[in-house]
C-alpha atoms as a PDB file:
ATOM      1  CA  MET A   1      -9.016 -10.055   0.358  1.00  0.00           C
ATOM      2  CA  SER A   2      -6.782  -9.574   3.509  1.00  0.00           C
ATOM      3  CA  HIS A   3      -2.901  -8.605   3.114  1.00  0.00           C
ATOM      4  CA  GLY A   4      -1.608 -11.852   4.302  1.00  0.00           C
ATOM      5  CA  THR A   5       1.112 -14.625   3.346  1.00  0.00           C
ATOM      6  CA  VAL A   6      -0.853 -16.020   0.312  1.00  0.00           C
ATOM      7  CA  MET A   7       0.993 -15.792  -2.849  1.00  0.00           C
ATOM      8  CA  PRO A   8      -0.899 -13.732  -5.388  1.00  0.00           C
ATOM      9  CA  VAL A   9      -1.615 -15.419  -8.635  1.00  0.00           C
ATOM     10  CA  ASP A  10      -3.124 -12.545 -10.763  1.00  0.00           C
ATOM     11  CA  GLY A  11      -0.968 -10.353 -12.938  1.00  0.00           C
ATOM     12  CA  PRO A  12       1.460 -10.620 -15.848  1.00  0.00           C
ATOM     13  CA  ALA A  13       3.830 -13.605 -16.119  1.00  0.00           C
ATOM     14  CA  THR A  14       6.962 -11.362 -16.590  1.00  0.00           C
ATOM     15  CA  LEU A  15       7.595  -7.700 -16.309  1.00  0.00           C
ATOM     16  CA  GLU A  16      10.300  -5.329 -17.331  1.00  0.00           C
ATOM     17  CA  TRP A  17      11.417  -2.048 -15.526  1.00  0.00           C
ATOM     18  CA  SER A  18      10.513   1.126 -17.616  1.00  0.00           C
ATOM     19  CA  GLU A  19      13.576   3.169 -18.480  1.00  0.00           C
ATOM     20  CA  LYS A  20      12.556   5.472 -15.396  1.00  0.00           C
ATOM     21  CA  ALA A  21      12.376   2.996 -12.897  1.00  0.00           C
ATOM     22  CA  LYS A  22      15.461   1.212 -14.277  1.00  0.00           C
ATOM     23  CA  ALA A  23      17.301   4.251 -13.518  1.00  0.00           C
ATOM     24  CA  GLU A  24      15.706   4.411 -10.138  1.00  0.00           C
ATOM     25  CA  VAL A  25      16.610   0.897  -9.477  1.00  0.00           C
ATOM     26  CA  ALA A  26      20.344   1.555 -10.459  1.00  0.00           C
ATOM     27  CA  ASP A  27      20.356   4.699  -8.085  1.00  0.00           C
ATOM     28  CA  ALA A  28      19.116   2.580  -5.260  1.00  0.00           C
ATOM     29  CA  LEU A  29      21.722  -0.193  -5.928  1.00  0.00           C
ATOM     30  CA  SER A  30      24.602   2.419  -6.015  1.00  0.00           C
ATOM     31  CA  ARG A  31      23.639   3.387  -2.530  1.00  0.00           C
ATOM     32  CA  TYR A  32      24.303   0.033  -0.938  1.00  0.00           C
ATOM     33  CA  PRO A  33      27.477  -1.854  -0.791  1.00  0.00           C
ATOM     34  CA  VAL A  34      25.705  -5.144  -0.761  1.00  0.00           C
ATOM     35  CA  LYS A  35      23.011  -5.420  -3.728  1.00  0.00           C
ATOM     36  CA  ARG A  36      20.667  -7.338  -1.707  1.00  0.00           C
ATOM     37  CA  SER A  37      20.270  -4.625   1.145  1.00  0.00           C
ATOM     38  CA  ALA A  38      18.353  -2.420  -1.437  1.00  0.00           C
ATOM     39  CA  VAL A  39      15.351  -4.768  -1.524  1.00  0.00           C
ATOM     40  CA  LEU A  40      12.985  -2.354   0.342  1.00  0.00           C
ATOM     41  CA  PRO A  41      13.775   0.443  -1.953  1.00  0.00           C
ATOM     42  CA  VAL A  42      13.648  -1.576  -4.864  1.00  0.00           C
ATOM     43  CA  LEU A  43      10.257  -3.096  -3.845  1.00  0.00           C
ATOM     44  CA  TRP A  44       9.044   0.496  -3.430  1.00  0.00           C
ATOM     45  CA  ILE A  45       9.963   1.278  -6.939  1.00  0.00           C
ATOM     46  CA  ALA A  46       8.184  -1.910  -8.164  1.00  0.00           C
ATOM     47  CA  GLN A  47       4.941  -0.894  -6.288  1.00  0.00           C
ATOM     48  CA  ARG A  48       4.988   2.680  -7.622  1.00  0.00           C
ATOM     49  CA  GLU A  49       5.720   1.326 -11.126  1.00  0.00           C
ATOM     50  CA  TRP A  50       2.540  -1.315 -11.274  1.00  0.00           C
ATOM     51  CA  GLY A  51       0.570  -0.143  -8.186  1.00  0.00           C
ATOM     52  CA  TRP A  52       0.798  -3.643  -6.506  1.00  0.00           C
ATOM     53  CA  LEU A  53       3.564  -6.364  -6.219  1.00  0.00           C
ATOM     54  CA  SER A  54       2.483  -9.212  -8.429  1.00  0.00           C
ATOM     55  CA  PRO A  55       4.589 -12.464  -8.538  1.00  0.00           C
ATOM     56  CA  ALA A  56       6.414 -11.196 -11.669  1.00  0.00           C
ATOM     57  CA  ALA A  57       7.276  -7.980  -9.785  1.00  0.00           C
ATOM     58  CA  MET A  58       8.665  -9.853  -6.926  1.00  0.00           C
ATOM     59  CA  ARG A  59      10.704 -11.943  -9.427  1.00  0.00           C
ATOM     60  CA  LEU A  60      12.147  -8.726 -11.040  1.00  0.00           C
ATOM     61  CA  VAL A  61      13.083  -7.349  -7.894  1.00  0.00           C
ATOM     62  CA  ALA A  62      14.723 -10.526  -6.734  1.00  0.00           C
ATOM     63  CA  GLY A  63      16.748 -10.718 -10.010  1.00  0.00           C
ATOM     64  CA  SER A  64      17.578  -6.832  -9.424  1.00  0.00           C
ATOM     65  CA  VAL A  65      18.886  -7.266  -5.905  1.00  0.00           C
ATOM     66  CA  GLY A  66      20.358 -10.858  -6.404  1.00  0.00           C
ATOM     67  CA  LEU A  67      17.996 -12.473  -3.693  1.00  0.00           C
ATOM     68  CA  PRO A  68      15.827 -15.591  -3.909  1.00  0.00           C
ATOM     69  CA  GLU A  69      12.222 -14.948  -4.828  1.00  0.00           C
ATOM     70  CA  SER A  70      11.340 -16.490  -1.636  1.00  0.00           C
ATOM     71  CA  GLU A  71      13.245 -13.995   0.471  1.00  0.00           C
ATOM     72  CA  VAL A  72      11.818 -11.151  -1.536  1.00  0.00           C
ATOM     73  CA  PHE A  73       8.323 -12.499  -0.932  1.00  0.00           C
ATOM     74  CA  GLY A  74       8.973 -12.919   2.795  1.00  0.00           C
ATOM     75  CA  VAL A  75      10.277  -9.297   2.941  1.00  0.00           C
ATOM     76  CA  ALA A  76       7.003  -8.045   0.752  1.00  0.00           C
ATOM     77  CA  THR A  77       4.745 -10.041   3.091  1.00  0.00           C
ATOM     78  CA  PHE A  78       6.134  -8.841   6.323  1.00  0.00           C
ATOM     79  CA  TYR A  79       5.507  -5.181   5.844  1.00  0.00           C
ATOM     80  CA  THR A  80       1.928  -4.169   5.346  1.00  0.00           C
ATOM     81  CA  MET A  81       2.837  -0.969   3.364  1.00  0.00           C
ATOM     82  CA  PHE A  82       3.392  -3.416   0.318  1.00  0.00           C
ATOM     83  CA  ASN A  83       0.224  -4.223  -1.818  1.00  0.00           C
ATOM     84  CA  LEU A  84       0.070  -7.968  -2.870  1.00  0.00           C
ATOM     85  CA  VAL A  85      -3.026  -7.454  -4.582  1.00  0.00           C
ATOM     86  CA  PRO A  86      -4.259  -4.542  -6.888  1.00  0.00           C
ATOM     87  CA  VAL A  87      -5.670  -1.630  -5.205  1.00  0.00           C
ATOM     88  CA  GLY A  88      -8.117   0.954  -6.150  1.00  0.00           C
ATOM     89  CA  ARG A  89      -7.286   4.161  -7.713  1.00  0.00           C
ATOM     90  CA  HIS A  90      -7.344   5.884  -4.092  1.00  0.00           C
ATOM     91  CA  HIS A  91      -5.965   3.652  -1.402  1.00  0.00           C
ATOM     92  CA  LEU A  92      -7.891   4.599   1.714  1.00  0.00           C
ATOM     93  CA  GLN A  93      -5.762   3.536   5.010  1.00  0.00           C
ATOM     94  CA  LEU A  94      -7.485   4.648   8.140  1.00  0.00           C
ATOM     95  CA  CYS A  95      -5.387   4.299  11.241  1.00  0.00           C
ATOM     96  CA  MET A  96      -6.975   2.143  13.747  1.00  0.00           C
ATOM     97  CA  THR A  97      -4.206   2.294  16.668  1.00  0.00           C
ATOM     98  CA  LEU A  98      -5.441   3.379  20.215  1.00  0.00           C
ATOM     99  CA  SER A  99      -5.264   7.052  19.903  1.00  0.00           C
ATOM    100  CA  CYS A 100      -7.118   7.281  16.489  1.00  0.00           C
ATOM    101  CA  SER A 101      -9.554   4.583  17.589  1.00  0.00           C
ATOM    102  CA  LEU A 102     -10.400   6.739  21.011  1.00  0.00           C
ATOM    103  CA  MET A 103     -10.600   9.797  18.706  1.00  0.00           C
ATOM    104  CA  GLY A 104     -13.343   8.176  16.582  1.00  0.00           C
ATOM    105  CA  ALA A 105     -11.493   5.812  13.955  1.00  0.00           C
ATOM    106  CA  ASP A 106     -13.741   2.977  14.787  1.00  0.00           C
ATOM    107  CA  ARG A 107     -16.923   5.192  13.911  1.00  0.00           C
ATOM    108  CA  LEU A 108     -15.152   6.469  10.716  1.00  0.00           C
ATOM    109  CA  TYR A 109     -14.471   3.054   9.582  1.00  0.00           C
ATOM    110  CA  LYS A 110     -18.048   1.991   9.804  1.00  0.00           C
ATOM    111  CA  HIS A 111     -18.911   5.174   8.072  1.00  0.00           C
ATOM    112  CA  LEU A 112     -16.473   4.417   5.173  1.00  0.00           C
ATOM    113  CA  GLN A 113     -17.787   0.717   5.079  1.00  0.00           C
ATOM    114  CA  LYS A 114     -21.514   1.818   4.736  1.00  0.00           C
ATOM    115  CA  LYS A 115     -20.636   4.621   2.049  1.00  0.00           C
ATOM    116  CA  LEU A 116     -18.324   2.477  -0.224  1.00  0.00           C
ATOM    117  CA  GLY A 117     -19.974  -0.912   0.583  1.00  0.00           C
ATOM    118  CA  VAL A 118     -16.652  -2.662   1.009  1.00  0.00           C
ATOM    119  CA  SER A 119     -14.660  -3.887   4.093  1.00  0.00           C
ATOM    120  CA  HIS A 120     -11.041  -4.107   5.063  1.00  0.00           C
ATOM    121  CA  GLY A 121      -8.757  -5.092   1.818  1.00  0.00           C
ATOM    122  CA  GLU A 122     -11.717  -4.752  -0.399  1.00  0.00           C
ATOM    123  CA  THR A 123     -11.949  -2.500  -3.431  1.00  0.00           C
ATOM    124  CA  THR A 124     -15.294  -0.924  -4.822  1.00  0.00           C
ATOM    125  CA  LYS A 125     -16.698  -2.371  -7.799  1.00  0.00           C
ATOM    126  CA  ASP A 126     -15.570   0.831  -9.793  1.00  0.00           C
ATOM    127  CA  GLY A 127     -12.085   0.373  -8.836  1.00  0.00           C
ATOM    128  CA  ARG A 128     -12.020   3.567  -7.316  1.00  0.00           C
ATOM    129  CA  TYR A 129     -11.212   2.853  -3.706  1.00  0.00           C
ATOM    130  CA  THR A 130      -9.657   0.382  -1.597  1.00  0.00           C
ATOM    131  CA  LEU A 131     -10.384   0.382   2.161  1.00  0.00           C
ATOM    132  CA  ARG A 132      -8.043  -0.698   4.593  1.00  0.00           C
ATOM    133  CA  LYS A 133      -7.143  -0.607   8.473  1.00  0.00           C
ATOM    134  CA  VAL A 134      -3.964  -0.116   9.318  1.00  0.00           C
ATOM    135  CA  GLU A 135      -1.567   0.521  12.467  1.00  0.00           C
ATOM    136  CA  CYS A 136      -0.223   3.772  13.609  1.00  0.00           C
ATOM    137  CA  LEU A 137       0.293   6.537  10.684  1.00  0.00           C
ATOM    138  CA  ALA A 138       2.320   8.597  13.474  1.00  0.00           C
ATOM    139  CA  ALA A 139      -0.237  11.160  13.824  1.00  0.00           C
ATOM    140  CA  CYS A 140      -1.356  10.297  17.439  1.00  0.00           C
ATOM    141  CA  GLY A 141      -1.815  13.866  18.265  1.00  0.00           C
ATOM    142  CA  LYS A 142      -3.954  14.755  15.161  1.00  0.00           C
ATOM    143  CA  GLY A 143      -6.430  11.855  15.065  1.00  0.00           C
ATOM    144  CA  PRO A 144      -8.094  10.043  13.433  1.00  0.00           C
ATOM    145  CA  CYS A 145      -5.952  10.084  10.515  1.00  0.00           C
ATOM    146  CA  MET A 146      -6.248   8.526   7.032  1.00  0.00           C
ATOM    147  CA  GLN A 147      -3.766   8.016   4.386  1.00  0.00           C
ATOM    148  CA  VAL A 148      -4.826   8.482   0.871  1.00  0.00           C
ATOM    149  CA  GLY A 149      -1.927   7.148  -1.323  1.00  0.00           C
ATOM    150  CA  PHE A 150       0.986   9.091   0.138  1.00  0.00           C
ATOM    151  CA  ASP A 151      -1.154  11.860   1.463  1.00  0.00           C
ATOM    152  CA  TYR A 152      -1.988  12.306   5.103  1.00  0.00           C
ATOM    153  CA  HIS A 153      -5.532  13.726   6.305  1.00  0.00           C
ATOM    154  CA  GLU A 154      -5.905  14.483  10.014  1.00  0.00           C
ATOM    155  CA  ASN A 155      -8.403  15.371  12.759  1.00  0.00           C
ATOM    156  CA  LEU A 156     -11.284  13.670  10.340  1.00  0.00           C
ATOM    157  CA  ASP A 157     -14.904  13.347  11.268  1.00  0.00           C
ATOM    158  CA  GLU A 158     -17.611  12.211   8.846  1.00  0.00           C
ATOM    159  CA  ALA A 159     -18.138  15.323   7.093  1.00  0.00           C
ATOM    160  CA  LYS A 160     -14.634  15.757   6.235  1.00  0.00           C
ATOM    161  CA  VAL A 161     -14.263  12.267   5.060  1.00  0.00           C
ATOM    162  CA  ASP A 162     -17.306  12.710   2.727  1.00  0.00           C
ATOM    163  CA  ALA A 163     -15.814  16.086   1.428  1.00  0.00           C
ATOM    164  CA  LEU A 164     -12.362  14.044   0.603  1.00  0.00           C
ATOM    165  CA  LEU A 165     -14.186  11.575  -1.102  1.00  0.00           C
ATOM    166  CA  GLU A 166     -15.847  14.060  -3.292  1.00  0.00           C
ATOM    167  CA  LYS A 167     -12.846  15.593  -3.861  1.00  0.00           C
ATOM    168  CA  LEU A 168     -11.199  12.359  -5.057  1.00  0.00           C
ATOM    169  CA  LYS A 169     -13.857  11.479  -7.593  1.00  0.00           C
END
């Protein structure tokens, strides 16, 4: 499934913040004079808490920052770093911007597709990997670059990608 503006339908009907997340939300809200301005950091907290932004998570964020659900959904769908569907244990985001493409990102993407048996936005049957093409990861001088979770891997080739996948198992 591609990252788009279709509202996800899976996930629990309601959610509550864990105690740790509740403290993080309170801290985020304290840094802004207007609660609604904290929508991005609170969306990040929700995504870290549950791994993706289900409708229930976006409802909880909306209530926490005092915005209508539709506005929170609009923000979450505008930024590609938010997951609107569950992702695998290892979220592989391969930069496809011109610099990385010129350095071999297109070839690496085809390699990953073949090796994992999935395409853009899809998750392997075992739930281990989600593969996604993304735009600039700000590593233009060290491409191709892939972000795995929050970790960056630069100057990649097929052998380095294969070794990385072995380590991630």
